Structures are given as structure tokens and as C-alpha cells.
Protein backbone atom coordinates (compact mmCIF):
# COMPACT_ATOMS: atom_id res chain seq x y z
CA UNK A 1 41.55 -20.08 1.59
CA UNK A 2 40.82 -16.40 2.02
CA UNK A 3 39.86 -14.24 -0.95
CA UNK A 4 42.80 -11.81 -1.03
CA UNK A 5 41.35 -9.67 -3.84
CA UNK A 6 38.05 -9.24 -2.03
CA UNK A 7 39.75 -8.39 1.26
CA UNK A 8 41.90 -5.77 -0.48
CA UNK A 9 38.89 -4.19 -2.16
CA UNK A 10 37.12 -4.11 1.18
CA UNK A 11 40.18 -2.50 2.80
CA UNK A 12 40.28 0.21 0.12
CA UNK A 13 36.62 1.04 0.62
CA UNK A 14 36.92 1.13 4.42
CA UNK A 15 40.01 3.35 4.22
CA UNK A 16 38.39 5.84 1.84
CA UNK A 17 35.23 6.08 3.93
CA UNK A 18 36.95 6.60 7.27
CA UNK A 19 35.12 9.25 9.29
CA UNK A 20 38.48 10.71 10.32
CA UNK A 21 40.76 10.76 7.27
CA UNK A 22 43.07 7.75 7.25
CA UNK A 23 45.53 9.72 5.12
CA UNK A 24 45.78 12.67 7.53
CA UNK A 25 46.04 10.28 10.46
CA UNK A 26 48.86 8.43 8.70
CA UNK A 27 50.58 11.72 7.91
CA UNK A 28 50.47 12.68 11.60
CA UNK A 29 51.89 9.29 12.58
CA UNK A 30 54.68 9.40 10.00
CA UNK A 31 55.65 12.97 10.92
CA UNK A 32 55.98 12.03 14.61
CA UNK A 33 58.02 8.92 13.73
CA UNK A 34 60.23 11.08 11.49
CA UNK A 35 60.82 13.51 14.36
CA UNK A 36 61.73 10.63 16.67
CA UNK A 37 64.16 9.24 14.10
CA UNK A 38 65.65 12.72 13.79
CA UNK A 39 66.19 12.84 17.56
CA UNK A 40 67.83 9.42 17.38
CA UNK A 41 70.12 10.67 14.61
CA UNK A 42 70.92 13.81 16.63
CA UNK A 43 71.81 11.74 19.68
CA UNK A 44 73.90 9.20 17.78
CA UNK A 45 75.72 11.78 15.66
CA UNK A 46 78.75 11.87 17.95
CA UNK A 47 79.16 8.09 17.83
CA UNK A 48 78.83 8.13 14.04
CA UNK A 49 81.48 10.84 13.80
CA UNK A 50 83.85 8.73 15.90
CA UNK A 51 83.15 5.71 13.69
CA UNK A 52 83.78 7.73 10.53
CA UNK A 53 87.02 9.14 11.92
CA UNK A 54 88.22 5.71 13.10
CA UNK A 55 87.56 3.95 9.81
CA UNK A 56 88.32 6.89 7.55
CA UNK A 57 84.83 6.97 6.04
CA UNK A 58 85.07 10.31 4.27
CA UNK A 59 81.51 10.16 2.95
CA UNK A 60 79.97 9.99 6.43
CA UNK A 61 82.42 12.58 7.78
CA UNK A 62 81.46 15.01 5.04
CA UNK A 63 77.72 14.45 5.59
CA UNK A 64 78.04 14.95 9.35
CA UNK A 65 79.62 18.38 8.83
CA UNK A 66 76.23 19.78 7.86
CA UNK A 67 74.13 17.95 10.49
CA UNK A 68 73.78 19.18 14.08
CA UNK A 69 74.60 16.50 16.60
CA UNK A 70 75.05 15.92 20.30
CA UNK A 71 78.24 14.51 21.72
CA UNK A 72 76.71 12.03 24.14
CA UNK A 73 78.56 9.13 25.77
CA UNK A 74 77.85 5.71 24.21
CA UNK A 75 75.69 4.58 27.14
CA UNK A 76 73.46 7.65 26.84
CA UNK A 77 73.18 7.16 23.07
CA UNK A 78 72.07 3.56 23.61
CA UNK A 79 69.52 4.65 26.23
CA UNK A 80 68.05 7.34 23.97
CA UNK A 81 67.88 4.91 21.04
CA UNK A 82 66.06 2.29 23.14
CA UNK A 83 63.56 4.82 24.51
CA UNK A 84 62.81 6.12 21.01
CA UNK A 85 62.32 2.57 19.73
CA UNK A 86 59.89 1.79 22.55
CA UNK A 87 57.94 5.02 22.05
CA UNK A 88 57.72 4.24 18.31
CA UNK A 89 56.35 0.77 19.11
CA UNK A 90 53.67 2.23 21.37
CA UNK A 91 52.71 4.82 18.74
CA UNK A 92 52.47 1.99 16.19
CA UNK A 93 49.98 0.34 18.56
CA UNK A 94 47.91 3.52 18.54
CA UNK A 95 47.90 3.41 14.75
CA UNK A 96 46.58 -0.16 14.86
CA UNK A 97 43.85 0.89 17.32
CA UNK A 98 42.80 3.61 14.89
CA UNK A 99 42.67 1.12 11.99
CA UNK A 100 40.58 -1.31 14.02
CA UNK A 101 38.12 1.44 14.96
CA UNK A 102 37.83 2.57 11.34
CA UNK A 103 36.87 -0.98 10.37
CA UNK A 104 34.11 -0.83 12.98
CA UNK A 105 32.83 2.44 11.47
CA UNK A 106 33.72 4.47 14.54
CA UNK A 107 34.74 8.11 14.46
CA UNK A 108 38.26 7.89 15.84
CA UNK A 109 40.00 11.13 16.89
CA UNK A 110 43.65 11.84 16.17
CA UNK A 111 44.39 11.48 19.89
CA UNK A 112 43.84 7.72 19.44
CA UNK A 113 47.41 7.59 18.17
CA UNK A 114 48.51 7.92 21.81
CA UNK A 115 46.07 5.37 23.25
CA UNK A 116 48.77 2.70 23.17
CA UNK A 117 50.33 4.43 26.16
CA UNK A 118 47.34 3.27 28.24
CA UNK A 119 48.81 -0.25 28.18
CA UNK A 120 52.35 0.60 27.10
CA UNK A 121 53.88 -1.86 29.57
CA UNK A 122 52.19 -4.82 27.94
CA UNK A 123 52.99 -3.55 24.44
CA UNK A 124 56.69 -3.21 25.28
CA UNK A 125 56.81 -6.58 27.06
CA UNK A 126 55.08 -8.23 24.11
CA UNK A 127 57.61 -6.74 21.67
CA UNK A 128 60.51 -7.94 23.86
CA UNK A 129 59.12 -11.47 24.24
CA UNK A 130 58.36 -11.80 20.52
CA UNK A 131 61.79 -10.42 19.67
CA UNK A 132 63.47 -13.01 21.88
CA UNK A 133 61.39 -15.86 20.43
CA UNK A 134 62.04 -14.80 16.83
CA UNK A 135 65.76 -14.36 17.55
CA UNK A 136 66.01 -17.83 19.06
CA UNK A 137 64.20 -19.39 16.10
CA UNK A 138 66.45 -17.43 13.72
CA UNK A 139 69.50 -19.04 15.29
CA UNK A 140 68.36 -22.34 13.80
CA UNK A 141 68.35 -20.77 10.32
CA UNK A 142 66.70 -17.82 8.60
CA UNK A 143 63.52 -19.65 7.55
CA UNK A 144 62.47 -20.75 11.09
CA UNK A 145 62.86 -17.11 12.14
CA UNK A 146 60.63 -15.93 9.29
CA UNK A 147 58.02 -18.57 10.16
CA UNK A 148 58.13 -17.44 13.79
CA UNK A 149 57.47 -13.87 12.69
CA UNK A 150 54.29 -14.99 10.94
CA UNK A 151 53.36 -17.18 13.91
CA UNK A 152 53.25 -14.15 16.22
CA UNK A 153 51.84 -11.73 13.65
CA UNK A 154 48.45 -11.29 15.31
CA UNK A 155 49.69 -11.12 18.91
CA UNK A 156 49.65 -7.31 19.01
CA UNK A 157 46.23 -7.26 17.34
CA UNK A 158 44.89 -9.54 20.06
CA UNK A 159 46.34 -7.26 22.72
CA UNK A 160 44.89 -4.16 21.03
CA UNK A 161 41.49 -5.79 20.84
CA UNK A 162 41.56 -6.71 24.52
CA UNK A 163 44.33 -5.02 26.56
CA UNK A 164 43.26 -6.99 29.65
CA UNK A 165 44.71 -10.27 28.37
CA UNK A 166 48.25 -11.33 29.19
CA UNK A 167 51.22 -11.16 26.85
CA UNK A 168 51.59 -14.94 26.58
CA UNK A 169 47.86 -15.29 26.04
CA UNK A 170 48.05 -12.88 23.09
CA UNK A 171 50.98 -14.85 21.67
CA UNK A 172 49.29 -18.22 22.12
CA UNK A 173 46.15 -16.93 20.46
CA UNK A 174 48.22 -15.70 17.50
CA UNK A 175 49.95 -19.08 17.21
CA UNK A 176 46.57 -20.80 17.02
CA UNK A 177 45.05 -18.19 14.68
CA UNK A 178 47.88 -18.33 12.16
CA UNK A 179 48.04 -22.13 12.06
CA UNK A 180 47.44 -23.07 8.42
CA UNK A 181 47.45 -19.42 7.27
CA UNK A 182 51.14 -18.48 7.36
CA UNK A 183 51.59 -19.07 3.62
CA UNK A 184 48.57 -16.89 2.85
CA UNK A 185 50.04 -14.10 4.96
CA UNK A 186 53.39 -14.50 3.20
CA UNK A 187 51.69 -14.22 -0.21
CA UNK A 188 49.81 -11.17 1.05
CA UNK A 189 53.10 -9.48 1.93
CA UNK A 190 54.54 -10.39 -1.48
CA UNK A 191 51.55 -8.76 -3.17
CA UNK A 192 52.54 -5.43 -1.58
CA UNK A 193 56.19 -5.47 -2.69
CA UNK A 194 55.49 -3.26 -5.71
CA UNK A 195 53.82 -0.63 -3.55
CA UNK A 196 56.67 -0.79 -1.03
CA UNK A 197 59.22 -0.14 -3.79
CA UNK A 198 57.18 2.83 -5.04
CA UNK A 199 57.01 4.22 -1.51
CA UNK A 200 60.81 4.01 -1.28
CA UNK A 201 61.23 5.75 -4.64
CA UNK A 202 59.05 8.64 -3.43
CA UNK A 203 61.09 8.97 -0.19
CA UNK A 204 58.13 7.60 1.75
CA UNK A 205 55.64 10.23 0.59
CA UNK A 206 53.45 7.61 -1.11
CA UNK A 207 53.22 5.81 2.24
CA UNK A 208 50.61 8.38 3.31
CA UNK A 209 48.18 6.69 0.91
CA UNK A 210 49.51 3.13 0.83
CA UNK A 211 50.19 2.49 4.52
CA UNK A 212 46.54 2.76 5.73
CA UNK A 213 45.43 0.49 2.86
CA UNK A 214 48.05 -2.14 3.74
CA UNK A 215 47.30 -1.96 7.46
CA UNK A 216 43.57 -2.20 6.87
CA UNK A 217 44.07 -5.26 4.65
CA UNK A 218 46.13 -6.95 7.36
CA UNK A 219 43.43 -6.22 9.94
CA UNK A 220 40.92 -7.68 7.47
CA UNK A 221 42.93 -10.90 7.35
CA UNK A 222 43.03 -10.96 11.14
CA UNK A 223 39.27 -10.55 11.42
CA UNK A 224 38.56 -13.15 8.71
CA UNK A 225 40.94 -15.73 10.20
CA UNK A 226 39.53 -15.08 13.66
CA UNK A 227 36.01 -15.80 12.39
CA UNK A 228 37.16 -18.95 10.61
CA UNK A 229 39.09 -20.34 13.57
CA UNK A 230 36.74 -19.17 16.30
CA UNK A 231 39.81 -18.08 18.26
CA UNK A 232 40.01 -14.60 19.69
CA UNK A 233 38.31 -12.16 22.03
CA UNK A 234 34.56 -12.25 21.77
CA UNK A 235 32.59 -9.14 20.85
CA UNK A 236 31.53 -6.93 23.79
CA UNK A 237 28.66 -8.42 25.75
CA UNK A 238 26.05 -6.62 27.83
CA UNK A 239 28.72 -5.20 30.13
CA UNK A 240 30.40 -3.51 27.15
CA UNK A 241 33.65 -5.38 27.71
CA UNK A 242 35.57 -7.83 25.54
CA UNK A 243 35.93 -11.36 26.90
CA UNK A 244 38.90 -13.61 26.25
CA UNK A 245 38.57 -16.96 24.57
CA UNK A 246 38.22 -19.54 27.37
CA UNK A 247 40.87 -21.72 25.77
CA UNK A 248 43.57 -19.16 26.51
CA UNK A 249 42.72 -17.64 29.89
CA UNK A 250 43.44 -20.63 32.05
CA UNK A 251 40.01 -22.23 31.72
CA UNK A 252 39.57 -25.96 31.86
CA UNK A 253 38.27 -26.32 28.31
CA UNK A 254 40.93 -28.04 26.14
CA UNK A 255 41.98 -26.48 22.88
CA UNK A 256 40.48 -28.20 19.85
CA UNK A 257 42.40 -27.29 16.65
CA UNK A 258 39.42 -28.35 14.55
CA UNK A 259 37.06 -25.92 16.25
């Protein structure tokens, strides 16, 4: 079992000692996400107004009087919403790349936030595939869906660590890495509930300080579990490139769960 307290202390220290401030980086990320959400609100304002008028929701109608909005057709609103969601997912990948680099002690510029666009196609495909899998498991009942979410938790981390691997390879690696650790990850999430509530009470302002700590702790779990299981991309060799685990790139070596 992993030492959660030790991993959290380590995450705090790494976050504080980041060569490029984790708090300013998080602020930049949150501001951009807020702008994107504002654009989504602006685009969907016309649809919301129609909904409020149809169902006589006076509260929404009154609020919309003071908010600028575009009167776009439903199809255009859906398109804009999807694009914004995908861009947000890619930016979230850039945030993970920054966190991983901070753990390695690298000086990571703010432009790293946009590095996810270098392999945006795989990031988007991964999100779609995981979403489908989790949805299908959720149809059985809520709990299988939650378990599936934890099963694929490290898939994006694997892709960030080695963008050359395939989407299914990243997912299969995550499934193997999280085997026997899902409960620990669930308890980890529970331990952050108090901070999440405080962030909500401060309208998200506290997230500037809490989010990098939480993300760094999660990366710490990923690294620790990867070392324990021996499953994941190897460190760069002499050619400076990451190399996939042979058990997941189509090699002939069978997967041994005890390895």
C-alpha cells in the first residue's frame, strides 16, 4: 500500500519549489478555461433564453437580461460547445505535461500549456474512447462506471509521457497499472473533498493554490504505482526517447500480472 501522507508531503514540496511558479501557471490555465466557458455561455445564451421562455423560468430570464449573448442556431451552439470542450481537454493535457516536468525538476515555460496541441488528435480520441467505455459500464449501474473511471485514470498520463504510443495501448497500460490500486485512488480523492468544498466556497479562487498540489499528488501516485508494477514507458535511453513497455506494443512477451 502506498504511503498517502508521504506522497502528499512530497507533492507539496515539489509544487513549492517549481522553477516556474505552479500557482501562476495554474492561474493562467484557469483564466483561459474561464474565458472558454464564457464563450460557451455567450454562444448558448440564445438557446437558454428560448428554454426559459418556453418553461417560464423567470429566474433565468431575468439573469439573461444582463448578459450579452449570441442568437445562434442549435446546431451551431452544439458545434461551438464541442469545440470548446475539446480545446479545454487539450489544455488540460498541457497542464499535466507541466506538472510532470516540475516533478522532474525541469524549468517549464508557460507555453507548455499549449504543448498538448502537438498530439491533440490522440488526446481527443483518447477522451472519446474512454468516455464511450465509461458510459457503457455506467449502463450496468453507477458503480461499474465509477470503477471504469479509475481503471482508465492513468491513460492520459501514459500518453503524455510518451505521445508516440497508441490510444488503446495507453488505456491497456492504465488498466494494468491500476489493478489492485483503485481503492487507494478512491481514498485519495476522498481525502481532497474538504479542499474541493473550500475551493467552491471561494468561487474557485483557492484552486490556484490547491489544484497544483492535487495534480502533483496524483502524478506522484502514478509514478509510484508505475515503479511498483513495472508497467509503463521506460526512461529515455541513449537516443533521448521514451520506449514503450514491450507488453503493450505488440511484442511477443506475454503480460505477467505478478511482474
